[in-house]
Amino acid sequence: MKALTSGPDIPSAIRRDDLAAGICILHVAREGHNGRHFIVFRAGGDYVIDVLRRLHDRMDLSSHFSAPED
């Protein structure tokens, strides 16, 4: 979460518009270990980042979001 204080344009963040518009995911790593969790977030406006979920990487990410509307 500390990495998000610089803003949503983190090189390792992955954009996931297939889940919902503006959704990004970022794997969490601590103390040199690979991340087993990820943070789901979106830019919420000027200087605001909405952290939506923190999930284990084995969880089905799509089940935590509604289907995108056409």
N, C-alpha and C. Protein backbone atom coordinates (compact mmCIF):
# COMPACT_ATOMS: atom_id res chain seq x y z
N MET A 1 0.83 -1.19 0.00
CA MET A 1 0.00 0.00 0.00
C MET A 1 0.88 1.25 0.00
N LYS A 2 2.05 1.13 0.58
CA LYS A 2 2.95 2.27 0.61
C LYS A 2 3.33 2.71 -0.80
N ALA A 3 3.47 1.75 -1.73
CA ALA A 3 3.82 2.08 -3.11
C ALA A 3 2.73 2.92 -3.78
N LEU A 4 1.50 2.79 -3.33
CA LEU A 4 0.40 3.54 -3.93
C LEU A 4 0.41 5.02 -3.56
N THR A 5 1.19 5.40 -2.57
CA THR A 5 1.24 6.81 -2.18
C THR A 5 1.84 7.68 -3.28
N SER A 6 2.58 7.06 -4.20
CA SER A 6 3.15 7.80 -5.33
C SER A 6 2.15 8.01 -6.45
N GLY A 7 1.01 7.34 -6.37
CA GLY A 7 -0.01 7.46 -7.41
C GLY A 7 -0.27 6.12 -8.05
N PRO A 8 -1.29 6.04 -8.90
CA PRO A 8 -1.72 4.77 -9.46
C PRO A 8 -0.85 4.24 -10.60
N ASP A 9 0.05 5.05 -11.14
CA ASP A 9 0.85 4.64 -12.30
C ASP A 9 2.13 3.94 -11.88
N ILE A 10 1.98 2.83 -11.18
CA ILE A 10 3.10 2.02 -10.73
C ILE A 10 3.45 1.03 -11.84
N PRO A 11 4.72 0.90 -12.23
CA PRO A 11 5.07 0.02 -13.34
C PRO A 11 4.59 -1.43 -13.18
N SER A 12 4.54 -1.95 -11.97
CA SER A 12 4.13 -3.35 -11.78
C SER A 12 2.62 -3.53 -11.64
N ALA A 13 1.86 -2.44 -11.64
CA ALA A 13 0.40 -2.55 -11.57
C ALA A 13 -0.14 -3.00 -12.92
N ILE A 14 -1.15 -3.85 -12.87
CA ILE A 14 -1.75 -4.39 -14.09
C ILE A 14 -3.18 -3.86 -14.21
N ARG A 15 -3.46 -3.27 -15.33
CA ARG A 15 -4.80 -2.73 -15.59
C ARG A 15 -5.75 -3.88 -15.89
N ARG A 16 -6.93 -3.91 -15.28
CA ARG A 16 -7.91 -4.99 -15.46
C ARG A 16 -9.30 -4.42 -15.77
N ASP A 17 -9.40 -3.71 -16.89
CA ASP A 17 -10.68 -3.15 -17.30
C ASP A 17 -11.71 -4.24 -17.61
N ASP A 18 -11.27 -5.49 -17.77
CA ASP A 18 -12.21 -6.58 -18.01
C ASP A 18 -13.06 -6.86 -16.77
N LEU A 19 -12.57 -6.48 -15.60
CA LEU A 19 -13.33 -6.66 -14.35
C LEU A 19 -14.30 -5.51 -14.13
N ALA A 20 -13.82 -4.31 -14.30
CA ALA A 20 -14.61 -3.08 -14.21
C ALA A 20 -13.72 -1.94 -14.68
N ALA A 21 -14.32 -0.87 -15.12
CA ALA A 21 -13.56 0.26 -15.66
C ALA A 21 -12.60 0.83 -14.62
N GLY A 22 -11.34 0.99 -15.00
CA GLY A 22 -10.35 1.63 -14.15
C GLY A 22 -9.72 0.76 -13.08
N ILE A 23 -10.05 -0.53 -13.04
CA ILE A 23 -9.52 -1.42 -12.01
C ILE A 23 -8.08 -1.80 -12.33
N CYS A 24 -7.23 -1.79 -11.29
CA CYS A 24 -5.84 -2.23 -11.40
C CYS A 24 -5.55 -3.20 -10.26
N ILE A 25 -4.57 -4.07 -10.49
CA ILE A 25 -4.13 -4.97 -9.43
C ILE A 25 -2.62 -4.80 -9.26
N LEU A 26 -2.18 -5.02 -8.04
CA LEU A 26 -0.77 -4.89 -7.70
C LEU A 26 -0.41 -6.00 -6.73
N HIS A 27 0.55 -6.85 -7.13
CA HIS A 27 0.99 -7.91 -6.22
C HIS A 27 1.77 -7.31 -5.07
N VAL A 28 1.57 -7.86 -3.89
CA VAL A 28 2.20 -7.37 -2.67
C VAL A 28 3.42 -8.24 -2.38
N ALA A 29 4.56 -7.61 -2.22
CA ALA A 29 5.79 -8.31 -1.84
C ALA A 29 6.35 -7.64 -0.60
N ARG A 30 6.89 -8.46 0.29
CA ARG A 30 7.47 -7.90 1.52
C ARG A 30 8.84 -8.50 1.75
N GLU A 31 9.73 -7.66 2.16
CA GLU A 31 11.06 -8.09 2.59
C GLU A 31 11.72 -9.05 1.62
N GLY A 32 11.61 -8.76 0.33
CA GLY A 32 12.27 -9.57 -0.68
C GLY A 32 11.57 -10.85 -1.07
N HIS A 33 10.42 -11.14 -0.49
CA HIS A 33 9.67 -12.35 -0.83
C HIS A 33 8.65 -12.04 -1.92
N ASN A 34 8.35 -13.05 -2.74
CA ASN A 34 7.31 -12.89 -3.74
C ASN A 34 5.97 -12.68 -3.07
N GLY A 35 5.11 -11.89 -3.72
CA GLY A 35 3.80 -11.61 -3.16
C GLY A 35 2.83 -12.76 -3.35
N ARG A 36 2.07 -13.08 -2.34
CA ARG A 36 1.01 -14.08 -2.42
C ARG A 36 -0.36 -13.42 -2.32
N HIS A 37 -0.37 -12.11 -2.15
CA HIS A 37 -1.60 -11.34 -2.10
C HIS A 37 -1.51 -10.22 -3.12
N PHE A 38 -2.64 -9.70 -3.47
CA PHE A 38 -2.62 -8.53 -4.33
C PHE A 38 -3.67 -7.53 -3.87
N ILE A 39 -3.42 -6.29 -4.22
CA ILE A 39 -4.33 -5.20 -3.88
C ILE A 39 -5.06 -4.82 -5.16
N VAL A 40 -6.36 -4.68 -5.04
CA VAL A 40 -7.20 -4.24 -6.15
C VAL A 40 -7.54 -2.78 -5.87
N PHE A 41 -7.28 -1.91 -6.83
CA PHE A 41 -7.49 -0.48 -6.60
C PHE A 41 -7.89 0.22 -7.88
N ARG A 42 -8.29 1.48 -7.73
CA ARG A 42 -8.56 2.35 -8.88
C ARG A 42 -8.29 3.79 -8.46
N ALA A 43 -7.98 4.62 -9.43
CA ALA A 43 -7.80 6.05 -9.15
C ALA A 43 -9.18 6.63 -8.90
N GLY A 44 -9.34 7.31 -7.77
CA GLY A 44 -10.64 7.82 -7.39
C GLY A 44 -10.81 9.31 -7.62
N GLY A 45 -9.86 9.94 -8.23
CA GLY A 45 -9.93 11.38 -8.46
C GLY A 45 -8.58 12.01 -8.14
N ASP A 46 -8.59 13.31 -8.01
CA ASP A 46 -7.35 14.04 -7.70
C ASP A 46 -6.77 13.58 -6.37
N TYR A 47 -5.59 12.98 -6.41
CA TYR A 47 -4.85 12.57 -5.21
C TYR A 47 -5.58 11.53 -4.36
N VAL A 48 -6.49 10.78 -4.96
CA VAL A 48 -7.24 9.75 -4.23
C VAL A 48 -7.09 8.41 -4.93
N ILE A 49 -6.79 7.37 -4.16
CA ILE A 49 -6.75 6.01 -4.68
C ILE A 49 -7.71 5.19 -3.83
N ASP A 50 -8.66 4.55 -4.48
CA ASP A 50 -9.62 3.69 -3.79
C ASP A 50 -9.05 2.28 -3.75
N VAL A 51 -8.75 1.79 -2.56
CA VAL A 51 -8.32 0.41 -2.39
C VAL A 51 -9.60 -0.40 -2.19
N LEU A 52 -9.87 -1.31 -3.12
CA LEU A 52 -11.14 -2.03 -3.12
C LEU A 52 -11.07 -3.37 -2.42
N ARG A 53 -9.96 -4.06 -2.60
CA ARG A 53 -9.82 -5.39 -2.00
C ARG A 53 -8.34 -5.70 -1.78
N ARG A 54 -8.09 -6.61 -0.84
CA ARG A 54 -6.79 -7.24 -0.67
C ARG A 54 -7.08 -8.73 -0.64
N LEU A 55 -6.61 -9.45 -1.64
CA LEU A 55 -6.97 -10.84 -1.83
C LEU A 55 -5.74 -11.72 -1.97
N HIS A 56 -5.88 -12.98 -1.60
CA HIS A 56 -4.83 -13.97 -1.82
C HIS A 56 -4.82 -14.31 -3.31
N ASP A 57 -3.65 -14.62 -3.85
CA ASP A 57 -3.56 -14.86 -5.29
C ASP A 57 -4.25 -16.14 -5.76
N ARG A 58 -4.68 -17.00 -4.86
CA ARG A 58 -5.44 -18.19 -5.25
C ARG A 58 -6.94 -17.91 -5.40
N MET A 59 -7.37 -16.75 -4.96
CA MET A 59 -8.80 -16.43 -5.04
C MET A 59 -9.18 -16.07 -6.47
N ASP A 60 -10.42 -16.38 -6.82
CA ASP A 60 -10.96 -16.05 -8.14
C ASP A 60 -11.33 -14.57 -8.16
N LEU A 61 -10.50 -13.78 -8.78
CA LEU A 61 -10.67 -12.34 -8.78
C LEU A 61 -12.01 -11.92 -9.39
N SER A 62 -12.41 -12.53 -10.47
CA SER A 62 -13.64 -12.12 -11.15
C SER A 62 -14.88 -12.34 -10.30
N SER A 63 -14.83 -13.26 -9.34
CA SER A 63 -16.02 -13.48 -8.49
C SER A 63 -16.25 -12.33 -7.50
N HIS A 64 -15.29 -11.45 -7.36
CA HIS A 64 -15.42 -10.33 -6.44
C HIS A 64 -15.89 -9.04 -7.12
N PHE A 65 -16.21 -9.15 -8.41
CA PHE A 65 -16.67 -7.98 -9.17
C PHE A 65 -17.87 -8.36 -10.00
N SER A 66 -18.75 -7.39 -10.22
CA SER A 66 -19.89 -7.60 -11.11
C SER A 66 -19.38 -7.62 -12.55
N ALA A 67 -20.15 -8.25 -13.42
CA ALA A 67 -19.79 -8.26 -14.84
C ALA A 67 -19.84 -6.85 -15.38
N PRO A 68 -18.89 -6.47 -16.26
CA PRO A 68 -18.89 -5.13 -16.82
C PRO A 68 -20.15 -4.91 -17.67
N GLU A 69 -20.70 -3.71 -17.57
CA GLU A 69 -21.88 -3.39 -18.36
C GLU A 69 -21.46 -2.93 -19.74
N ASP A 70 -22.26 -3.29 -20.75
CA ASP A 70 -21.96 -2.88 -22.13
C ASP A 70 -22.50 -1.50 -22.42
